[in-house]
Amino acid sequence: RVCPSQGLQPSLFEAGVQGFLTPR
């Protein structure tokens, strides 16, 4: 939410199931 460029996004499955919704 605070990223000024909106480049930070919640992961889907790029980080595997355990990484779901972690920022990338």
PDB file of all heavy atoms in Angstrom:
ATOM      1  N   ARG A   1       0.816  -1.219   0.000  1.00  0.00           N
ATOM      2  CA  ARG A   1       0.000   0.000   0.000  1.00  0.00           C
ATOM      3  C   ARG A   1       0.849   1.267   0.000  1.00  0.00           C
ATOM      4  O   ARG A   1       0.449   2.284  -0.557  1.00  0.00           O
ATOM      5  CB  ARG A   1      -0.945  -0.006   1.206  1.00  0.00           C
ATOM      6  CG  ARG A   1      -2.055  -1.045   1.110  1.00  0.00           C
ATOM      7  CD  ARG A   1      -3.105  -0.833   2.195  1.00  0.00           C
ATOM      8  NE  ARG A   1      -2.570  -1.046   3.535  1.00  0.00           N
ATOM      9  CZ  ARG A   1      -2.529  -2.235   4.130  1.00  0.00           C
ATOM     10  NH1 ARG A   1      -2.973  -3.312   3.495  1.00  0.00           N
ATOM     11  NH2 ARG A   1      -2.041  -2.347   5.358  1.00  0.00           N
ATOM     12  N   VAL A   2       2.029   1.204   0.620  1.00  0.00           N
ATOM     13  CA  VAL A   2       2.831   2.412   0.749  1.00  0.00           C
ATOM     14  C   VAL A   2       3.782   2.617  -0.433  1.00  0.00           C
ATOM     15  O   VAL A   2       4.336   3.705  -0.596  1.00  0.00           O
ATOM     16  CB  VAL A   2       3.634   2.358   2.075  1.00  0.00           C
ATOM     17  CG1 VAL A   2       4.871   1.475   1.944  1.00  0.00           C
ATOM     18  CG2 VAL A   2       4.019   3.748   2.536  1.00  0.00           C
ATOM     19  N   CYS A   3       3.949   1.632  -1.275  1.00  0.00           N
ATOM     20  CA  CYS A   3       4.893   1.724  -2.405  1.00  0.00           C
ATOM     21  C   CYS A   3       4.456   2.832  -3.365  1.00  0.00           C
ATOM     22  O   CYS A   3       3.373   2.765  -3.943  1.00  0.00           O
ATOM     23  CB  CYS A   3       4.964   0.392  -3.144  1.00  0.00           C
ATOM     24  SG  CYS A   3       6.105   0.403  -4.545  1.00  0.00           S
ATOM     25  N   PRO A   4       5.283   3.876  -3.569  1.00  0.00           N
ATOM     26  CA  PRO A   4       4.856   5.013  -4.386  1.00  0.00           C
ATOM     27  C   PRO A   4       4.722   4.697  -5.874  1.00  0.00           C
ATOM     28  O   PRO A   4       3.988   5.379  -6.585  1.00  0.00           O
ATOM     29  CB  PRO A   4       5.958   6.057  -4.143  1.00  0.00           C
ATOM     30  CG  PRO A   4       7.157   5.263  -3.765  1.00  0.00           C
ATOM     31  CD  PRO A   4       6.628   4.075  -3.007  1.00  0.00           C
ATOM     32  N   SER A   5       5.444   3.698  -6.349  1.00  0.00           N
ATOM     33  CA  SER A   5       5.377   3.361  -7.781  1.00  0.00           C
ATOM     34  C   SER A   5       4.340   2.297  -8.080  1.00  0.00           C
ATOM     35  O   SER A   5       4.071   2.003  -9.245  1.00  0.00           O
ATOM     36  CB  SER A   5       6.745   2.868  -8.258  1.00  0.00           C
ATOM     37  OG  SER A   5       7.010   1.571  -7.739  1.00  0.00           O
ATOM     38  N   GLN A   6       3.780   1.685  -7.032  1.00  0.00           N
ATOM     39  CA  GLN A   6       2.859   0.552  -7.142  1.00  0.00           C
ATOM     40  C   GLN A   6       3.523  -0.665  -7.773  1.00  0.00           C
ATOM     41  O   GLN A   6       2.858  -1.569  -8.265  1.00  0.00           O
ATOM     42  CB  GLN A   6       1.592   0.942  -7.923  1.00  0.00           C
ATOM     43  CG  GLN A   6       0.809   2.058  -7.249  1.00  0.00           C
ATOM     44  CD  GLN A   6      -0.490   2.397  -7.961  1.00  0.00           C
ATOM     45  OE1 GLN A   6      -0.600   2.254  -9.181  1.00  0.00           O
ATOM     46  NE2 GLN A   6      -1.471   2.838  -7.206  1.00  0.00           N
ATOM     47  N   GLY A   7       4.870  -0.672  -7.730  1.00  0.00           N
ATOM     48  CA  GLY A   7       5.596  -1.832  -8.247  1.00  0.00           C
ATOM     49  C   GLY A   7       5.532  -3.029  -7.320  1.00  0.00           C
ATOM     50  O   GLY A   7       5.659  -4.168  -7.767  1.00  0.00           O
ATOM     51  N   LEU A   8       5.355  -2.798  -6.023  1.00  0.00           N
ATOM     52  CA  LEU A   8       5.174  -3.923  -5.090  1.00  0.00           C
ATOM     53  C   LEU A   8       3.762  -4.462  -5.238  1.00  0.00           C
ATOM     54  O   LEU A   8       2.787  -3.715  -5.120  1.00  0.00           O
ATOM     55  CB  LEU A   8       5.419  -3.493  -3.645  1.00  0.00           C
ATOM     56  CG  LEU A   8       6.868  -3.409  -3.169  1.00  0.00           C
ATOM     57  CD1 LEU A   8       6.919  -3.093  -1.675  1.00  0.00           C
ATOM     58  CD2 LEU A   8       7.630  -4.688  -3.461  1.00  0.00           C
ATOM     59  N   GLN A   9       3.667  -5.758  -5.476  1.00  0.00           N
ATOM     60  CA  GLN A   9       2.386  -6.413  -5.681  1.00  0.00           C
ATOM     61  C   GLN A   9       2.341  -7.711  -4.866  1.00  0.00           C
ATOM     62  O   GLN A   9       3.387  -8.321  -4.610  1.00  0.00           O
ATOM     63  CB  GLN A   9       2.188  -6.746  -7.168  1.00  0.00           C
ATOM     64  CG  GLN A   9       2.100  -5.535  -8.073  1.00  0.00           C
ATOM     65  CD  GLN A   9       0.803  -4.769  -7.878  1.00  0.00           C
ATOM     66  OE1 GLN A   9      -0.267  -5.365  -7.755  1.00  0.00           O
ATOM     67  NE2 GLN A   9       0.890  -3.446  -7.863  1.00  0.00           N
ATOM     68  N   PRO A  10       1.156  -8.147  -4.451  1.00  0.00           N
ATOM     69  CA  PRO A  10       1.069  -9.437  -3.756  1.00  0.00           C
ATOM     70  C   PRO A  10       1.368 -10.584  -4.712  1.00  0.00           C
ATOM     71  O   PRO A  10       0.881 -10.597  -5.845  1.00  0.00           O
ATOM     72  CB  PRO A  10      -0.390  -9.487  -3.280  1.00  0.00           C
ATOM     73  CG  PRO A  10      -0.928  -8.107  -3.457  1.00  0.00           C
ATOM     74  CD  PRO A  10      -0.147  -7.474  -4.562  1.00  0.00           C
ATOM     75  N   SER A  11       2.187 -11.530  -4.266  1.00  0.00           N
ATOM     76  CA  SER A  11       2.467 -12.720  -5.075  1.00  0.00           C
ATOM     77  C   SER A  11       1.218 -13.579  -5.188  1.00  0.00           C
ATOM     78  O   SER A  11       0.374 -13.596  -4.282  1.00  0.00           O
ATOM     79  CB  SER A  11       3.576 -13.558  -4.432  1.00  0.00           C
ATOM     80  OG  SER A  11       4.776 -12.854  -4.374  1.00  0.00           O
ATOM     81  N   LEU A  12       1.111 -14.266  -6.278  1.00  0.00           N
ATOM     82  CA  LEU A  12       0.103 -15.315  -6.402  1.00  0.00           C
ATOM     83  C   LEU A  12       0.814 -16.624  -6.063  1.00  0.00           C
ATOM     84  O   LEU A  12       0.957 -16.980  -4.915  1.00  0.00           O
ATOM     85  CB  LEU A  12      -0.512 -15.297  -7.793  1.00  0.00           C
ATOM     86  CG  LEU A  12      -1.310 -14.016  -8.115  1.00  0.00           C
ATOM     87  CD1 LEU A  12      -1.861 -14.035  -9.523  1.00  0.00           C
ATOM     88  CD2 LEU A  12      -2.427 -13.816  -7.096  1.00  0.00           C
ATOM     89  N   PHE A  13       1.310 -17.336  -7.069  1.00  0.00           N
ATOM     90  CA  PHE A  13       2.019 -18.571  -6.784  1.00  0.00           C
ATOM     91  C   PHE A  13       3.463 -18.534  -7.277  1.00  0.00           C
ATOM     92  O   PHE A  13       4.100 -19.574  -7.416  1.00  0.00           O
ATOM     93  CB  PHE A  13       1.266 -19.761  -7.377  1.00  0.00           C
ATOM     94  CG  PHE A  13      -0.094 -19.964  -6.752  1.00  0.00           C
ATOM     95  CD1 PHE A  13      -1.231 -19.596  -7.435  1.00  0.00           C
ATOM     96  CD2 PHE A  13      -0.206 -20.483  -5.470  1.00  0.00           C
ATOM     97  CE1 PHE A  13      -2.481 -19.755  -6.854  1.00  0.00           C
ATOM     98  CE2 PHE A  13      -1.451 -20.646  -4.885  1.00  0.00           C
ATOM     99  CZ  PHE A  13      -2.595 -20.281  -5.577  1.00  0.00           C
ATOM    100  N   GLU A  14       3.974 -17.312  -7.549  1.00  0.00           N
ATOM    101  CA  GLU A  14       5.362 -17.191  -7.985  1.00  0.00           C
ATOM    102  C   GLU A  14       6.332 -17.682  -6.916  1.00  0.00           C
ATOM    103  O   GLU A  14       7.433 -18.125  -7.218  1.00  0.00           O
ATOM    104  CB  GLU A  14       5.683 -15.742  -8.341  1.00  0.00           C
ATOM    105  CG  GLU A  14       4.885 -15.173  -9.503  1.00  0.00           C
ATOM    106  CD  GLU A  14       3.555 -14.573  -9.058  1.00  0.00           C
ATOM    107  OE1 GLU A  14       3.222 -14.677  -7.850  1.00  0.00           O
ATOM    108  OE2 GLU A  14       2.850 -14.005  -9.904  1.00  0.00           O
ATOM    109  N   ALA A  15       5.928 -17.561  -5.661  1.00  0.00           N
ATOM    110  CA  ALA A  15       6.774 -18.007  -4.552  1.00  0.00           C
ATOM    111  C   ALA A  15       6.279 -19.326  -3.971  1.00  0.00           C
ATOM    112  O   ALA A  15       6.628 -19.679  -2.842  1.00  0.00           O
ATOM    113  CB  ALA A  15       6.806 -16.935  -3.465  1.00  0.00           C
ATOM    114  N   GLY A  16       5.465 -20.053  -4.718  1.00  0.00           N
ATOM    115  CA  GLY A  16       4.906 -21.295  -4.218  1.00  0.00           C
ATOM    116  C   GLY A  16       3.688 -21.045  -3.344  1.00  0.00           C
ATOM    117  O   GLY A  16       3.315 -19.904  -3.071  1.00  0.00           O
ATOM    118  N   VAL A  17       3.067 -22.103  -2.913  1.00  0.00           N
ATOM    119  CA  VAL A  17       1.851 -22.001  -2.101  1.00  0.00           C
ATOM    120  C   VAL A  17       2.128 -21.249  -0.812  1.00  0.00           C
ATOM    121  O   VAL A  17       1.342 -20.395  -0.382  1.00  0.00           O
ATOM    122  CB  VAL A  17       1.280 -23.407  -1.797  1.00  0.00           C
ATOM    123  CG1 VAL A  17       0.105 -23.315  -0.833  1.00  0.00           C
ATOM    124  CG2 VAL A  17       0.866 -24.096  -3.090  1.00  0.00           C
ATOM    125  N   GLN A  18       3.262 -21.513  -0.185  1.00  0.00           N
ATOM    126  CA  GLN A  18       3.564 -20.887   1.095  1.00  0.00           C
ATOM    127  C   GLN A  18       3.860 -19.394   0.966  1.00  0.00           C
ATOM    128  O   GLN A  18       3.772 -18.655   1.932  1.00  0.00           O
ATOM    129  CB  GLN A  18       4.737 -21.597   1.771  1.00  0.00           C
ATOM    130  CG  GLN A  18       4.376 -22.994   2.256  1.00  0.00           C
ATOM    131  CD  GLN A  18       5.515 -23.637   3.009  1.00  0.00           C
ATOM    132  OE1 GLN A  18       6.639 -23.669   2.533  1.00  0.00           O
ATOM    133  NE2 GLN A  18       5.231 -24.144   4.200  1.00  0.00           N
ATOM    134  N   GLY A  19       4.208 -18.957  -0.237  1.00  0.00           N
ATOM    135  CA  GLY A  19       4.507 -17.545  -0.446  1.00  0.00           C
ATOM    136  C   GLY A  19       3.325 -16.751  -0.955  1.00  0.00           C
ATOM    137  O   GLY A  19       3.476 -15.584  -1.346  1.00  0.00           O
ATOM    138  N   PHE A  20       2.148 -17.347  -0.943  1.00  0.00           N
ATOM    139  CA  PHE A  20       0.939 -16.682  -1.449  1.00  0.00           C
ATOM    140  C   PHE A  20       0.721 -15.351  -0.723  1.00  0.00           C
ATOM    141  O   PHE A  20       0.748 -15.281   0.506  1.00  0.00           O
ATOM    142  CB  PHE A  20      -0.264 -17.601  -1.255  1.00  0.00           C
ATOM    143  CG  PHE A  20      -1.534 -17.107  -1.894  1.00  0.00           C
ATOM    144  CD1 PHE A  20      -1.637 -16.985  -3.259  1.00  0.00           C
ATOM    145  CD2 PHE A  20      -2.628 -16.766  -1.110  1.00  0.00           C
ATOM    146  CE1 PHE A  20      -2.806 -16.538  -3.852  1.00  0.00           C
ATOM    147  CE2 PHE A  20      -3.805 -16.312  -1.696  1.00  0.00           C
ATOM    148  CZ  PHE A  20      -3.888 -16.196  -3.066  1.00  0.00           C
ATOM    149  N   LEU A  21       0.551 -14.279  -1.501  1.00  0.00           N
ATOM    150  CA  LEU A  21       0.277 -12.920  -1.020  1.00  0.00           C
ATOM    151  C   LEU A  21       1.482 -12.207  -0.401  1.00  0.00           C
ATOM    152  O   LEU A  21       1.345 -11.088   0.088  1.00  0.00           O
ATOM    153  CB  LEU A  21      -0.898 -12.896  -0.024  1.00  0.00           C
ATOM    154  CG  LEU A  21      -2.266 -13.307  -0.596  1.00  0.00           C
ATOM    155  CD1 LEU A  21      -3.333 -13.163   0.473  1.00  0.00           C
ATOM    156  CD2 LEU A  21      -2.623 -12.471  -1.828  1.00  0.00           C
ATOM    157  N   THR A  22       2.661 -12.830  -0.430  1.00  0.00           N
ATOM    158  CA  THR A  22       3.848 -12.106   0.013  1.00  0.00           C
ATOM    159  C   THR A  22       4.222 -11.081  -1.057  1.00  0.00           C
ATOM    160  O   THR A  22       3.928 -11.263  -2.236  1.00  0.00           O
ATOM    161  CB  THR A  22       5.025 -13.061   0.260  1.00  0.00           C
ATOM    162  OG1 THR A  22       5.248 -13.838  -0.923  1.00  0.00           O
ATOM    163  CG2 THR A  22       4.747 -13.982   1.433  1.00  0.00           C
ATOM    164  N   PRO A  23       4.871  -9.971  -0.673  1.00  0.00           N
ATOM    165  CA  PRO A  23       5.150  -8.912  -1.647  1.00  0.00           C
ATOM    166  C   PRO A  23       6.279  -9.263  -2.605  1.00  0.00           C
ATOM    167  O   PRO A  23       7.275  -9.873  -2.229  1.00  0.00           O
ATOM    168  CB  PRO A  23       5.547  -7.723  -0.763  1.00  0.00           C
ATOM    169  CG  PRO A  23       6.108  -8.352   0.464  1.00  0.00           C
ATOM    170  CD  PRO A  23       5.292  -9.588   0.688  1.00  0.00           C
ATOM    171  N   ARG A  24       6.100  -8.852  -3.849  1.00  0.00           N
ATOM    172  CA  ARG A  24       7.148  -8.993  -4.858  1.00  0.00           C
ATOM    173  C   ARG A  24       7.171  -7.727  -5.700  1.00  0.00           C
ATOM    174  O   ARG A  24       6.138  -7.059  -5.871  1.00  0.00           O
ATOM    175  CB  ARG A  24       6.896 -10.216  -5.747  1.00  0.00           C
ATOM    176  CG  ARG A  24       5.672 -10.117  -6.633  1.00  0.00           C
ATOM    177  CD  ARG A  24       5.371 -11.419  -7.357  1.00  0.00           C
ATOM    178  NE  ARG A  24       6.377 -11.797  -8.312  1.00  0.00           N
ATOM    179  CZ  ARG A  24       6.192 -11.795  -9.638  1.00  0.00           C
ATOM    180  NH1 ARG A  24       5.020 -11.427 -10.152  1.00  0.00           N
ATOM    181  NH2 ARG A  24       7.155 -12.167 -10.446  1.00  0.00           N
TER     182      ARG A  24
END
